[in-house]
């Protein structure tokens, strides 16, 4: 399921890798991309009116783009019409300040094609697609080999988002000539920077942290870079204590930034009051509550 339009496509869902394509020879994703949540009302409907405030926040916390309708956005729980409207809302709300990368992956190739055509029509920067997750692809190839073959056969192919935790694989891919690699594991960002991989796709509440980490690294202050990476690790340690999925991260965004993006949609469930308060206490005790608030 490879789109012909500029954008992204994941090789396999289980491999946690994403490949980048663009019709533009010089197309290059900017260094800090957010994977935003889909704002929801209490009744489970999408809160489109909140997206402008959300976009303003992301711009002020050093994000240069958004990767919408993906996992953290509960994209698989949205209808095609909802996904189209979310794409339109983000493009309008970003007003040219953020690159808008639209995830178009579904379990139906026809639906993905429809979403891809819509994204191109409304002027999205790029598209992305997880592979089908019900009827899964029957084969999987080495990521670097795939990239090398794709660059020869797919004119629009430009790069890879790598969310697998094995650093040797990331390093291997980063050595492919003219291939842009983005990292999707923020708790390994320091290691990625050492390998020359500066681009990152990360959560809404980590904008300032990843920006400060990259800035310190580029200034040669390795000790400060390490200290900032430790903060990211502490945040993620608390996150995974409560599950780590979109329902956990939406609650975290509230605690860390003060911004409420609402509940999750079934089959996910909102954290209970007790779970939320316990997590809030963990962040407070760690000195991290409010760390992502605008200054």
Protein backbone atom coordinates (compact mmCIF):
# COMPACT_ATOMS: atom_id res chain seq x y z
CA UNK A 1 0.00 0.00 0.00
CA UNK A 2 2.49 2.63 -1.22
CA UNK A 3 1.00 6.08 -1.94
CA UNK A 4 2.23 7.81 -5.08
CA UNK A 5 1.80 11.25 -3.55
CA UNK A 6 4.41 12.76 -1.24
CA UNK A 7 4.15 11.24 2.20
CA UNK A 8 4.78 8.27 4.44
CA UNK A 9 3.97 4.58 4.53
CA UNK A 10 4.70 2.03 7.24
CA UNK A 11 6.26 -1.23 6.06
CA UNK A 12 4.56 -3.39 8.69
CA UNK A 13 2.66 -2.45 11.80
CA UNK A 14 4.65 -4.80 14.02
CA UNK A 15 8.03 -3.56 12.82
CA UNK A 16 7.30 -0.02 14.03
CA UNK A 17 8.98 1.58 11.04
CA UNK A 18 7.65 4.25 8.73
CA UNK A 19 8.96 5.23 5.30
CA UNK A 20 8.84 8.71 3.79
CA UNK A 21 8.02 9.63 0.20
CA UNK A 22 7.84 12.91 -1.67
CA UNK A 23 7.48 14.08 -5.23
CA UNK A 24 9.84 16.92 -4.35
CA UNK A 25 13.52 16.06 -4.80
CA UNK A 26 14.44 18.31 -1.86
CA UNK A 27 11.52 17.33 0.38
CA UNK A 28 12.71 17.13 3.98
CA UNK A 29 10.64 16.74 7.12
CA UNK A 30 11.62 19.36 9.68
CA UNK A 31 13.25 18.20 12.86
CA UNK A 32 10.44 18.12 15.43
CA UNK A 33 7.06 16.59 14.60
CA UNK A 34 4.21 16.13 17.09
CA UNK A 35 1.88 13.14 17.13
CA UNK A 36 -1.15 15.03 18.53
CA UNK A 37 -4.20 13.60 20.23
CA UNK A 38 -7.67 13.98 18.75
CA UNK A 39 -9.52 16.38 21.08
CA UNK A 40 -12.77 14.80 22.26
CA UNK A 41 -15.87 16.03 24.03
CA UNK A 42 -17.35 14.11 26.95
CA UNK A 43 -19.86 12.45 24.60
CA UNK A 44 -17.07 11.04 22.42
CA UNK A 45 -17.53 13.50 19.57
CA UNK A 46 -14.51 15.38 18.19
CA UNK A 47 -13.86 18.84 19.61
CA UNK A 48 -12.77 20.66 16.44
CA UNK A 49 -12.93 24.07 18.11
CA UNK A 50 -9.98 23.16 20.36
CA UNK A 51 -7.55 22.46 17.51
CA UNK A 52 -6.58 26.12 16.97
CA UNK A 53 -5.57 26.46 20.63
CA UNK A 54 -3.74 23.15 20.34
CA UNK A 55 -1.85 24.27 17.24
CA UNK A 56 -0.86 27.53 18.94
CA UNK A 57 0.56 25.55 21.86
CA UNK A 58 2.58 23.26 19.60
CA UNK A 59 4.09 26.18 17.71
CA UNK A 60 5.11 27.80 20.99
CA UNK A 61 6.78 24.57 22.17
CA UNK A 62 9.04 24.30 19.11
CA UNK A 63 7.11 21.80 16.99
CA UNK A 64 7.45 22.25 13.25
CA UNK A 65 4.78 19.79 12.17
CA UNK A 66 2.02 17.40 13.18
CA UNK A 67 1.45 13.74 12.31
CA UNK A 68 -2.34 13.47 12.61
CA UNK A 69 -4.84 10.59 12.77
CA UNK A 70 -2.19 8.11 13.91
CA UNK A 71 -2.05 5.86 16.97
CA UNK A 72 -2.07 8.58 19.63
CA UNK A 73 -4.88 10.31 17.73
CA UNK A 74 -7.02 7.13 17.86
CA UNK A 75 -7.15 7.25 14.08
CA UNK A 76 -8.45 3.70 13.78
CA UNK A 77 -11.45 4.66 15.92
CA UNK A 78 -12.45 7.54 13.64
CA UNK A 79 -14.72 7.31 10.61
CA UNK A 80 -13.41 8.28 7.17
CA UNK A 81 -15.43 11.49 7.27
CA UNK A 82 -14.05 12.33 10.72
CA UNK A 83 -10.50 11.73 9.54
CA UNK A 84 -11.03 13.96 6.54
CA UNK A 85 -12.49 16.75 8.63
CA UNK A 86 -9.65 16.46 11.17
CA UNK A 87 -7.16 16.89 8.33
CA UNK A 88 -9.01 19.98 7.14
CA UNK A 89 -9.18 21.39 10.67
CA UNK A 90 -5.45 20.92 11.32
CA UNK A 91 -4.47 22.52 8.02
CA UNK A 92 -6.76 25.48 8.70
CA UNK A 93 -5.65 25.83 12.33
CA UNK A 94 -1.95 25.48 11.53
CA UNK A 95 -2.23 28.30 8.99
CA UNK A 96 1.11 27.44 7.41
CA UNK A 97 2.98 27.33 10.72
CA UNK A 98 3.10 23.54 10.93
CA UNK A 99 3.68 20.83 8.35
CA UNK A 100 0.61 18.58 8.33
CA UNK A 101 1.31 14.90 7.76
CA UNK A 102 -1.92 12.92 7.42
CA UNK A 103 -2.08 9.25 8.39
CA UNK A 104 -4.23 7.42 5.82
CA UNK A 105 -3.68 3.80 6.84
CA UNK A 106 -6.74 1.54 7.19
CA UNK A 107 -7.61 -2.13 6.82
CA UNK A 108 -9.07 -1.32 3.39
CA UNK A 109 -6.78 -0.14 0.60
CA UNK A 110 -9.69 1.63 -1.13
CA UNK A 111 -10.32 3.68 2.01
CA UNK A 112 -6.63 4.56 2.24
CA UNK A 113 -6.62 5.69 -1.37
CA UNK A 114 -9.65 7.86 -0.69
CA UNK A 115 -7.98 9.46 2.33
CA UNK A 116 -4.75 9.98 0.39
CA UNK A 117 -6.55 11.72 -2.47
CA UNK A 118 -8.36 13.94 0.01
CA UNK A 119 -5.12 14.85 1.80
CA UNK A 120 -3.51 15.89 -1.45
CA UNK A 121 -6.58 17.86 -2.48
CA UNK A 122 -6.63 19.96 0.70
CA UNK A 123 -2.90 20.67 0.58
CA UNK A 124 -1.46 18.39 3.28
CA UNK A 125 2.33 18.37 3.45
CA UNK A 126 2.54 14.59 3.39
CA UNK A 127 0.63 11.37 3.99
CA UNK A 128 1.35 8.28 6.09
CA UNK A 129 -0.04 4.76 6.28
CA UNK A 130 0.23 1.88 8.69
CA UNK A 131 -0.09 -1.44 6.95
CA UNK A 132 -3.36 -3.36 7.46
CA UNK A 133 -3.54 -4.90 10.94
CA UNK A 134 -6.27 -7.53 10.46
CA UNK A 135 -5.15 -9.21 7.25
CA UNK A 136 -1.45 -8.62 7.76
CA UNK A 137 1.18 -8.62 5.01
CA UNK A 138 2.59 -12.12 4.67
CA UNK A 139 6.19 -11.08 4.19
CA UNK A 140 8.58 -8.68 5.87
CA UNK A 141 11.95 -7.60 4.56
CA UNK A 142 14.97 -6.04 6.21
CA UNK A 143 14.29 -2.33 6.65
CA UNK A 144 17.52 -1.10 5.12
CA UNK A 145 17.14 -3.45 2.15
CA UNK A 146 13.58 -2.23 1.64
CA UNK A 147 14.73 1.40 1.69
CA UNK A 148 17.52 0.76 -0.79
CA UNK A 149 15.14 -1.02 -3.16
CA UNK A 150 12.40 1.58 -2.69
CA UNK A 151 14.71 4.46 -3.52
CA UNK A 152 15.45 2.80 -6.85
CA UNK A 153 11.87 1.87 -7.73
CA UNK A 154 9.68 4.55 -6.09
CA UNK A 155 10.46 8.07 -7.36
CA UNK A 156 8.72 9.72 -4.40
CA UNK A 157 10.51 7.71 -1.68
CA UNK A 158 12.55 9.92 0.65
CA UNK A 159 13.04 8.44 4.12
CA UNK A 160 12.05 6.48 7.20
CA UNK A 161 10.52 6.99 10.63
CA UNK A 162 12.02 4.38 12.92
CA UNK A 163 10.13 3.51 16.14
CA UNK A 164 11.76 0.18 16.84
CA UNK A 165 14.02 0.23 19.92
CA UNK A 166 16.96 -1.59 18.35
CA UNK A 167 19.56 1.14 17.79
CA UNK A 168 21.69 -0.96 15.40
CA UNK A 169 18.72 -1.04 13.02
CA UNK A 170 18.36 2.74 13.25
CA UNK A 171 22.08 3.16 12.63
CA UNK A 172 21.93 0.80 9.67
CA UNK A 173 19.12 2.80 8.06
CA UNK A 174 20.86 6.13 8.71
CA UNK A 175 23.74 4.99 6.49
CA UNK A 176 21.55 4.69 3.39
CA UNK A 177 22.55 7.48 1.04
CA UNK A 178 20.02 10.36 0.70
CA UNK A 179 17.62 8.72 3.16
CA UNK A 180 16.13 10.91 5.89
CA UNK A 181 15.55 9.03 9.13
CA UNK A 182 13.26 10.18 11.95
CA UNK A 183 13.26 8.54 15.37
CA UNK A 184 9.98 7.64 17.05
CA UNK A 185 11.33 6.63 20.48
CA UNK A 186 11.87 9.83 22.48
CA UNK A 187 13.54 8.00 25.36
CA UNK A 188 16.34 7.12 22.91
CA UNK A 189 16.71 10.59 21.44
CA UNK A 190 20.20 11.19 22.85
CA UNK A 191 21.43 7.96 21.27
CA UNK A 192 19.78 8.98 18.00
CA UNK A 193 21.49 12.38 18.06
CA UNK A 194 24.85 10.67 18.48
CA UNK A 195 24.07 8.65 15.34
CA UNK A 196 23.25 11.85 13.46
CA UNK A 197 19.47 11.31 13.51
CA UNK A 198 18.05 14.68 14.59
CA UNK A 199 14.46 14.36 13.37
CA UNK A 200 11.91 13.11 15.89
CA UNK A 201 8.19 12.34 16.07
CA UNK A 202 7.09 12.69 19.68
CA UNK A 203 4.29 13.45 22.12
CA UNK A 204 2.64 16.84 22.63
CA UNK A 205 4.12 17.31 26.11
CA UNK A 206 7.75 16.77 25.05
CA UNK A 207 8.23 19.68 22.67
CA UNK A 208 10.42 21.85 24.88
CA UNK A 209 12.32 18.85 26.23
CA UNK A 210 13.35 17.46 22.84
CA UNK A 211 14.15 20.97 21.56
CA UNK A 212 16.35 21.73 24.57
CA UNK A 213 18.05 18.34 24.23
CA UNK A 214 18.87 18.88 20.57
CA UNK A 215 20.02 22.47 21.21
CA UNK A 216 22.35 21.38 24.02
CA UNK A 217 23.74 18.55 21.89
CA UNK A 218 24.44 20.84 18.95
CA UNK A 219 26.18 23.27 21.33
CA UNK A 220 28.46 20.45 22.46
CA UNK A 221 27.06 20.35 26.01
CA UNK A 222 26.80 16.58 26.37
CA UNK A 223 26.32 16.67 30.15
CA UNK A 224 23.27 18.92 29.80
CA UNK A 225 21.96 16.72 26.99
CA UNK A 226 22.22 13.67 29.26
CA UNK A 227 20.41 15.48 32.07
CA UNK A 228 17.52 16.39 29.76
CA UNK A 229 17.31 12.82 28.45
CA UNK A 230 16.97 11.67 32.07
CA UNK A 231 13.90 13.90 32.41
CA UNK A 232 12.37 12.24 29.35
CA UNK A 233 13.09 8.82 30.88
CA UNK A 234 11.43 9.79 34.16
CA UNK A 235 8.34 10.96 32.31
CA UNK A 236 8.15 7.73 30.33
CA UNK A 237 8.71 5.57 33.41
CA UNK A 238 5.56 7.07 34.96
CA UNK A 239 3.72 6.81 31.65
CA UNK A 240 4.29 3.07 31.30
CA UNK A 241 3.33 2.50 34.93
CA UNK A 242 -0.20 3.44 33.84
CA UNK A 243 -0.25 1.59 30.53
CA UNK A 244 1.29 3.99 28.05
CA UNK A 245 -1.56 4.12 25.50
CA UNK A 246 -3.49 7.15 24.24
CA UNK A 247 -5.73 7.15 27.32
CA UNK A 248 -2.67 7.44 29.57
CA UNK A 249 -0.96 10.05 27.43
CA UNK A 250 -4.05 12.25 27.15
CA UNK A 251 -4.21 12.38 30.95
CA UNK A 252 -0.47 13.07 31.08
CA UNK A 253 -0.86 16.00 28.71
CA UNK A 254 -3.39 17.50 31.11
CA UNK A 255 -1.09 17.05 34.12
CA UNK A 256 2.09 18.23 32.41
CA UNK A 257 0.73 21.11 30.32
CA UNK A 258 -2.61 22.03 31.89
CA UNK A 259 -4.36 21.43 28.55
CA UNK A 260 -7.39 19.14 28.53
CA UNK A 261 -7.90 17.30 25.23
CA UNK A 262 -10.81 15.32 26.63
CA UNK A 263 -11.46 11.58 26.97
CA UNK A 264 -10.70 8.69 24.64
CA UNK A 265 -13.21 6.86 22.48
CA UNK A 266 -14.31 3.26 23.04
CA UNK A 267 -12.90 0.62 23.05
CA UNK A 268 -10.33 2.62 25.02
CA UNK A 269 -11.48 3.90 28.40
CA UNK A 270 -10.67 7.07 30.29
CA UNK A 271 -8.51 6.77 33.39
CA UNK A 272 -10.56 6.51 36.56
CA UNK A 273 -10.43 9.43 39.00
CA UNK A 274 -8.25 7.32 41.28
CA UNK A 275 -5.83 6.44 38.47
CA UNK A 276 -5.61 10.06 37.37
CA UNK A 277 -4.94 11.34 40.89
CA UNK A 278 -2.34 8.64 41.52
CA UNK A 279 -0.54 9.51 38.30
CA UNK A 280 -0.74 13.21 39.08
CA UNK A 281 0.81 12.52 42.49
CA UNK A 282 3.62 10.56 40.85
CA UNK A 283 4.43 13.47 38.56
CA UNK A 284 4.17 15.96 41.42
CA UNK A 285 6.45 13.90 43.65
CA UNK A 286 8.94 13.66 40.78
CA UNK A 287 8.85 17.45 40.33
CA UNK A 288 7.46 17.07 36.81
CA UNK A 289 3.83 18.23 37.09
CA UNK A 290 3.37 21.30 34.91
CA UNK A 291 6.72 20.84 33.18
CA UNK A 292 5.14 21.32 29.74
CA UNK A 293 3.16 24.46 30.58
CA UNK A 294 3.80 27.55 28.49
CA UNK A 295 6.19 29.93 30.18
